[in-house]
Amino acid sequence: MSRYTIAVTRTASRHSGPDAIIGYDRPLQTFFLQAVPDAEGEDLELWLGTDLREFETLSQRWTAAIVRGFDFIPMASGILHKLLDDHAREAHHAVSDSIIQDVLERTSTR
């Protein structure tokens, strides 16, 4: 799992949190983003990428953050390149479910 510190901005108030964590989670095969502690400082108000293959691209995760009222762009190009390298190195490029289903069906009919 990779983890990098970035700034995240709440778009409505333009309040910026400089200690958000962005990264790629290999076991879940997803990019994730954790940011902005709540008023009590305990729970995160933004926690994206906790489900299997939830965000397989950075653009999917960015869109989800925007929909929830947060933005993390612009991001330092060094971190962006590291994230893309992490994904390229760690992502499983699994055979699609439809191909597996075809193989299973053909095998069972023989």
N, C-alpha and C. Protein backbone atom coordinates (compact mmCIF):
# COMPACT_ATOMS: atom_id res chain seq x y z
N MET A 1 0.85 -1.18 0.00
CA MET A 1 0.00 0.00 0.00
C MET A 1 0.89 1.23 0.00
N SER A 2 0.56 2.16 -0.87
CA SER A 2 1.31 3.42 -0.88
C SER A 2 0.50 4.48 -0.14
N ARG A 3 1.22 5.44 0.43
CA ARG A 3 0.57 6.54 1.17
C ARG A 3 1.38 7.81 0.96
N TYR A 4 0.70 8.87 0.53
CA TYR A 4 1.34 10.16 0.31
C TYR A 4 0.48 11.25 0.94
N THR A 5 1.12 12.25 1.50
CA THR A 5 0.40 13.37 2.11
C THR A 5 0.16 14.45 1.07
N ILE A 6 -1.10 14.89 0.98
CA ILE A 6 -1.48 15.96 0.05
C ILE A 6 -2.43 16.92 0.76
N ALA A 7 -2.74 18.01 0.11
CA ALA A 7 -3.74 18.96 0.60
C ALA A 7 -5.08 18.67 -0.08
N VAL A 8 -6.14 18.71 0.70
CA VAL A 8 -7.50 18.56 0.18
C VAL A 8 -8.27 19.81 0.56
N THR A 9 -9.08 20.30 -0.37
CA THR A 9 -9.85 21.52 -0.15
C THR A 9 -11.33 21.20 -0.13
N ARG A 10 -12.02 21.73 0.89
CA ARG A 10 -13.48 21.65 0.91
C ARG A 10 -13.97 22.75 -0.01
N THR A 11 -14.63 22.39 -1.11
CA THR A 11 -14.93 23.36 -2.16
C THR A 11 -15.89 24.46 -1.71
N ALA A 12 -16.84 24.18 -0.85
CA ALA A 12 -17.81 25.20 -0.42
C ALA A 12 -17.16 26.30 0.40
N SER A 13 -16.29 25.94 1.33
CA SER A 13 -15.70 26.93 2.21
C SER A 13 -14.28 27.32 1.80
N ARG A 14 -13.70 26.60 0.83
CA ARG A 14 -12.32 26.76 0.40
C ARG A 14 -11.34 26.46 1.53
N HIS A 15 -11.82 25.81 2.63
CA HIS A 15 -10.94 25.39 3.72
C HIS A 15 -10.07 24.25 3.23
N SER A 16 -8.77 24.35 3.50
CA SER A 16 -7.84 23.34 3.02
C SER A 16 -7.27 22.56 4.19
N GLY A 17 -7.23 21.25 4.03
CA GLY A 17 -6.59 20.38 5.01
C GLY A 17 -5.29 19.87 4.42
N PRO A 18 -4.15 20.24 5.00
CA PRO A 18 -2.86 19.90 4.40
C PRO A 18 -2.39 18.47 4.67
N ASP A 19 -3.10 17.73 5.50
CA ASP A 19 -2.62 16.41 5.91
C ASP A 19 -3.48 15.26 5.44
N ALA A 20 -4.05 15.36 4.26
CA ALA A 20 -4.83 14.26 3.70
C ALA A 20 -3.87 13.18 3.21
N ILE A 21 -4.36 11.96 3.17
CA ILE A 21 -3.56 10.82 2.72
C ILE A 21 -4.18 10.26 1.45
N ILE A 22 -3.36 10.10 0.43
CA ILE A 22 -3.78 9.53 -0.83
C ILE A 22 -2.86 8.35 -1.13
N GLY A 23 -3.38 7.34 -1.81
CA GLY A 23 -2.53 6.21 -2.12
C GLY A 23 -3.24 5.15 -2.91
N TYR A 24 -2.54 4.03 -3.08
CA TYR A 24 -3.09 2.88 -3.77
C TYR A 24 -3.03 1.68 -2.83
N ASP A 25 -4.16 1.01 -2.66
CA ASP A 25 -4.28 -0.16 -1.79
C ASP A 25 -4.27 -1.42 -2.65
N ARG A 26 -3.16 -2.15 -2.63
CA ARG A 26 -3.04 -3.32 -3.49
C ARG A 26 -4.06 -4.41 -3.16
N PRO A 27 -4.26 -4.79 -1.88
CA PRO A 27 -5.23 -5.85 -1.60
C PRO A 27 -6.65 -5.50 -2.07
N LEU A 28 -7.04 -4.24 -1.94
CA LEU A 28 -8.38 -3.83 -2.39
C LEU A 28 -8.40 -3.41 -3.86
N GLN A 29 -7.23 -3.27 -4.47
CA GLN A 29 -7.14 -2.86 -5.87
C GLN A 29 -7.87 -1.54 -6.13
N THR A 30 -7.61 -0.57 -5.27
CA THR A 30 -8.29 0.72 -5.38
C THR A 30 -7.38 1.87 -4.94
N PHE A 31 -7.60 3.02 -5.55
CA PHE A 31 -6.99 4.25 -5.03
C PHE A 31 -7.85 4.69 -3.86
N PHE A 32 -7.22 5.31 -2.86
CA PHE A 32 -8.00 5.77 -1.71
C PHE A 32 -7.61 7.20 -1.36
N LEU A 33 -8.48 7.85 -0.57
CA LEU A 33 -8.26 9.21 -0.10
C LEU A 33 -8.88 9.35 1.27
N GLN A 34 -8.10 9.79 2.24
CA GLN A 34 -8.57 10.03 3.61
C GLN A 34 -8.25 11.46 3.97
N ALA A 35 -9.27 12.20 4.41
CA ALA A 35 -9.01 13.62 4.66
C ALA A 35 -9.99 14.24 5.64
N VAL A 36 -9.62 15.36 6.17
CA VAL A 36 -10.44 16.30 6.93
C VAL A 36 -11.11 15.65 8.15
N PRO A 37 -10.46 15.70 9.30
CA PRO A 37 -11.10 15.20 10.52
C PRO A 37 -12.37 15.99 10.83
N ASP A 38 -13.35 15.33 11.44
CA ASP A 38 -14.58 16.02 11.81
C ASP A 38 -14.32 16.98 12.96
N ALA A 39 -15.36 17.64 13.46
CA ALA A 39 -15.22 18.67 14.49
C ALA A 39 -14.53 18.14 15.75
N GLU A 40 -14.77 16.86 16.08
CA GLU A 40 -14.15 16.27 17.26
C GLU A 40 -12.74 15.78 16.98
N GLY A 41 -12.35 15.76 15.71
CA GLY A 41 -11.02 15.33 15.33
C GLY A 41 -10.83 13.83 15.33
N GLU A 42 -11.93 13.07 15.40
CA GLU A 42 -11.81 11.61 15.48
C GLU A 42 -12.11 10.93 14.15
N ASP A 43 -13.28 11.15 13.60
CA ASP A 43 -13.68 10.48 12.37
C ASP A 43 -13.35 11.35 11.17
N LEU A 44 -12.98 10.69 10.09
CA LEU A 44 -12.70 11.43 8.87
C LEU A 44 -14.00 11.72 8.14
N GLU A 45 -14.14 12.94 7.67
CA GLU A 45 -15.33 13.32 6.92
C GLU A 45 -15.25 12.86 5.47
N LEU A 46 -14.09 12.50 5.01
CA LEU A 46 -13.93 12.00 3.66
C LEU A 46 -13.03 10.79 3.71
N TRP A 47 -13.57 9.65 3.33
CA TRP A 47 -12.80 8.41 3.32
C TRP A 47 -13.27 7.63 2.11
N LEU A 48 -12.51 7.71 1.04
CA LEU A 48 -12.86 7.06 -0.23
C LEU A 48 -11.88 5.94 -0.53
N GLY A 49 -12.40 4.85 -1.09
CA GLY A 49 -11.54 3.75 -1.49
C GLY A 49 -11.43 2.67 -0.44
N THR A 50 -12.55 2.30 0.16
CA THR A 50 -12.54 1.28 1.20
C THR A 50 -13.12 -0.05 0.71
N ASP A 51 -13.61 -0.11 -0.51
CA ASP A 51 -14.20 -1.33 -1.05
C ASP A 51 -13.35 -1.87 -2.20
N LEU A 52 -13.48 -3.16 -2.44
CA LEU A 52 -12.74 -3.81 -3.51
C LEU A 52 -13.00 -3.14 -4.85
N ARG A 53 -11.93 -2.71 -5.51
CA ARG A 53 -11.97 -2.07 -6.83
C ARG A 53 -12.93 -0.87 -6.90
N GLU A 54 -13.07 -0.16 -5.80
CA GLU A 54 -13.98 0.99 -5.76
C GLU A 54 -13.55 2.09 -6.73
N PHE A 55 -12.26 2.40 -6.77
CA PHE A 55 -11.73 3.43 -7.66
C PHE A 55 -10.49 2.89 -8.36
N GLU A 56 -10.69 2.33 -9.53
CA GLU A 56 -9.58 1.72 -10.26
C GLU A 56 -8.76 2.75 -11.04
N THR A 57 -9.26 3.99 -11.13
CA THR A 57 -8.51 5.06 -11.77
C THR A 57 -8.51 6.29 -10.86
N LEU A 58 -7.51 7.13 -11.04
CA LEU A 58 -7.46 8.39 -10.27
C LEU A 58 -8.63 9.30 -10.63
N SER A 59 -9.05 9.28 -11.89
CA SER A 59 -10.15 10.16 -12.29
C SER A 59 -11.46 9.74 -11.63
N GLN A 60 -11.67 8.45 -11.43
CA GLN A 60 -12.88 7.99 -10.72
C GLN A 60 -12.87 8.49 -9.28
N ARG A 61 -11.70 8.41 -8.65
CA ARG A 61 -11.60 8.85 -7.26
C ARG A 61 -11.73 10.36 -7.16
N TRP A 62 -11.18 11.08 -8.12
CA TRP A 62 -11.30 12.54 -8.12
C TRP A 62 -12.76 12.95 -8.28
N THR A 63 -13.48 12.31 -9.20
CA THR A 63 -14.90 12.61 -9.40
C THR A 63 -15.69 12.36 -8.12
N ALA A 64 -15.41 11.27 -7.44
CA ALA A 64 -16.11 10.95 -6.19
C ALA A 64 -15.84 12.01 -5.12
N ALA A 65 -14.62 12.51 -5.06
CA ALA A 65 -14.29 13.57 -4.10
C ALA A 65 -15.05 14.85 -4.44
N ILE A 66 -15.10 15.22 -5.72
CA ILE A 66 -15.81 16.42 -6.17
C ILE A 66 -17.29 16.33 -5.80
N VAL A 67 -17.90 15.17 -6.05
CA VAL A 67 -19.32 14.97 -5.74
C VAL A 67 -19.58 15.18 -4.25
N ARG A 68 -18.62 14.84 -3.41
CA ARG A 68 -18.77 14.98 -1.96
C ARG A 68 -18.34 16.36 -1.45
N GLY A 69 -17.94 17.25 -2.37
CA GLY A 69 -17.60 18.61 -1.98
C GLY A 69 -16.14 18.83 -1.64
N PHE A 70 -15.26 17.98 -2.15
CA PHE A 70 -13.82 18.10 -1.88
C PHE A 70 -13.04 18.07 -3.19
N ASP A 71 -11.84 18.65 -3.16
CA ASP A 71 -10.98 18.61 -4.33
C ASP A 71 -9.54 18.40 -3.86
N PHE A 72 -8.76 17.69 -4.63
CA PHE A 72 -7.35 17.50 -4.31
C PHE A 72 -6.45 17.83 -5.49
N ILE A 73 -7.02 18.50 -6.48
CA ILE A 73 -6.26 18.94 -7.65
C ILE A 73 -6.09 20.46 -7.53
N PRO A 74 -4.96 21.06 -7.73
CA PRO A 74 -3.75 20.46 -8.28
C PRO A 74 -3.01 19.63 -7.22
N MET A 75 -2.33 18.62 -7.70
CA MET A 75 -1.52 17.75 -6.86
C MET A 75 -0.10 17.79 -7.42
N ALA A 76 0.86 17.74 -6.56
CA ALA A 76 2.26 17.77 -7.01
C ALA A 76 2.51 16.68 -8.03
N SER A 77 3.17 17.02 -9.11
CA SER A 77 3.39 16.05 -10.18
C SER A 77 4.20 14.84 -9.70
N GLY A 78 5.08 15.04 -8.74
CA GLY A 78 5.85 13.92 -8.20
C GLY A 78 4.96 12.89 -7.55
N ILE A 79 3.96 13.33 -6.79
CA ILE A 79 3.03 12.41 -6.14
C ILE A 79 2.16 11.73 -7.18
N LEU A 80 1.71 12.48 -8.16
CA LEU A 80 0.90 11.90 -9.23
C LEU A 80 1.67 10.78 -9.93
N HIS A 81 2.92 11.02 -10.26
CA HIS A 81 3.73 10.01 -10.94
C HIS A 81 3.96 8.79 -10.04
N LYS A 82 4.16 9.03 -8.75
CA LYS A 82 4.35 7.91 -7.82
C LYS A 82 3.08 7.06 -7.74
N LEU A 83 1.91 7.71 -7.68
CA LEU A 83 0.65 6.97 -7.63
C LEU A 83 0.46 6.12 -8.89
N LEU A 84 0.74 6.70 -10.02
CA LEU A 84 0.59 5.96 -11.28
C LEU A 84 1.58 4.79 -11.35
N ASP A 85 2.79 5.01 -10.85
CA ASP A 85 3.78 3.92 -10.80
C ASP A 85 3.33 2.82 -9.84
N ASP A 86 2.79 3.22 -8.68
CA ASP A 86 2.29 2.24 -7.71
C ASP A 86 1.21 1.38 -8.35
N HIS A 87 0.29 2.03 -9.05
CA HIS A 87 -0.80 1.30 -9.70
C HIS A 87 -0.26 0.36 -10.76
N ALA A 88 0.65 0.83 -11.59
CA ALA A 88 1.20 0.00 -12.66
C ALA A 88 1.94 -1.21 -12.09
N ARG A 89 2.62 -1.03 -10.98
CA ARG A 89 3.41 -2.10 -10.38
C ARG A 89 2.54 -3.07 -9.58
N GLU A 90 1.53 -2.56 -8.88
CA GLU A 90 0.80 -3.37 -7.91
C GLU A 90 -0.56 -3.88 -8.35
N ALA A 91 -1.15 -3.27 -9.35
CA ALA A 91 -2.51 -3.65 -9.75
C ALA A 91 -2.51 -5.04 -10.36
N HIS A 92 -3.50 -5.82 -9.96
CA HIS A 92 -3.70 -7.13 -10.59
C HIS A 92 -4.44 -6.88 -11.89
N HIS A 93 -3.98 -7.43 -12.95
CA HIS A 93 -4.69 -7.31 -14.21
C HIS A 93 -5.38 -8.63 -14.44
N ALA A 94 -6.48 -8.78 -13.74
CA ALA A 94 -7.20 -10.05 -13.73
C ALA A 94 -7.94 -10.29 -15.04
N VAL A 95 -8.15 -11.56 -15.32
CA VAL A 95 -8.96 -11.94 -16.46
C VAL A 95 -10.39 -11.51 -16.17
N SER A 96 -11.08 -10.96 -17.16
CA SER A 96 -12.43 -10.46 -16.92
C SER A 96 -13.38 -11.59 -16.57
N ASP A 97 -14.42 -11.26 -15.81
CA ASP A 97 -15.42 -12.25 -15.38
C ASP A 97 -16.09 -12.91 -16.57
N SER A 98 -16.31 -12.17 -17.66
CA SER A 98 -16.99 -12.75 -18.82
C SER A 98 -16.12 -13.83 -19.48
N ILE A 99 -14.82 -13.63 -19.51
CA ILE A 99 -13.92 -14.64 -20.08
C ILE A 99 -13.93 -15.88 -19.19
N ILE A 100 -13.89 -15.69 -17.89
CA ILE A 100 -13.93 -16.83 -16.97
C ILE A 100 -15.23 -17.59 -17.14
N GLN A 101 -16.34 -16.88 -17.24
CA GLN A 101 -17.65 -17.52 -17.41
C GLN A 101 -17.69 -18.32 -18.71
N ASP A 102 -17.16 -17.78 -19.79
CA ASP A 102 -17.10 -18.50 -21.07
C ASP A 102 -16.32 -19.80 -20.93
N VAL A 103 -15.18 -19.74 -20.25
CA VAL A 103 -14.35 -20.93 -20.06
C VAL A 103 -15.11 -21.97 -19.24
N LEU A 104 -15.76 -21.53 -18.17
CA LEU A 104 -16.51 -22.45 -17.33
C LEU A 104 -17.65 -23.12 -18.10
N GLU A 105 -18.36 -22.34 -18.87
CA GLU A 105 -19.49 -22.90 -19.64
C GLU A 105 -19.00 -23.88 -20.69
N ARG A 106 -17.92 -23.59 -21.37
CA ARG A 106 -17.40 -24.49 -22.40
C ARG A 106 -16.85 -25.76 -21.78
N THR A 107 -16.24 -25.63 -20.61
CA THR A 107 -15.69 -26.81 -19.95
C THR A 107 -16.78 -27.73 -19.44
N SER A 108 -17.88 -27.16 -18.95
CA SER A 108 -18.97 -27.97 -18.39
C SER A 108 -19.79 -28.68 -19.45
N THR A 109 -19.72 -28.21 -20.70
CA THR A 109 -20.50 -28.85 -21.77
C THR A 109 -19.74 -29.97 -22.46
N ARG A 110 -18.51 -30.16 -22.11
CA ARG A 110 -17.69 -31.21 -22.75
C ARG A 110 -17.74 -32.48 -21.96
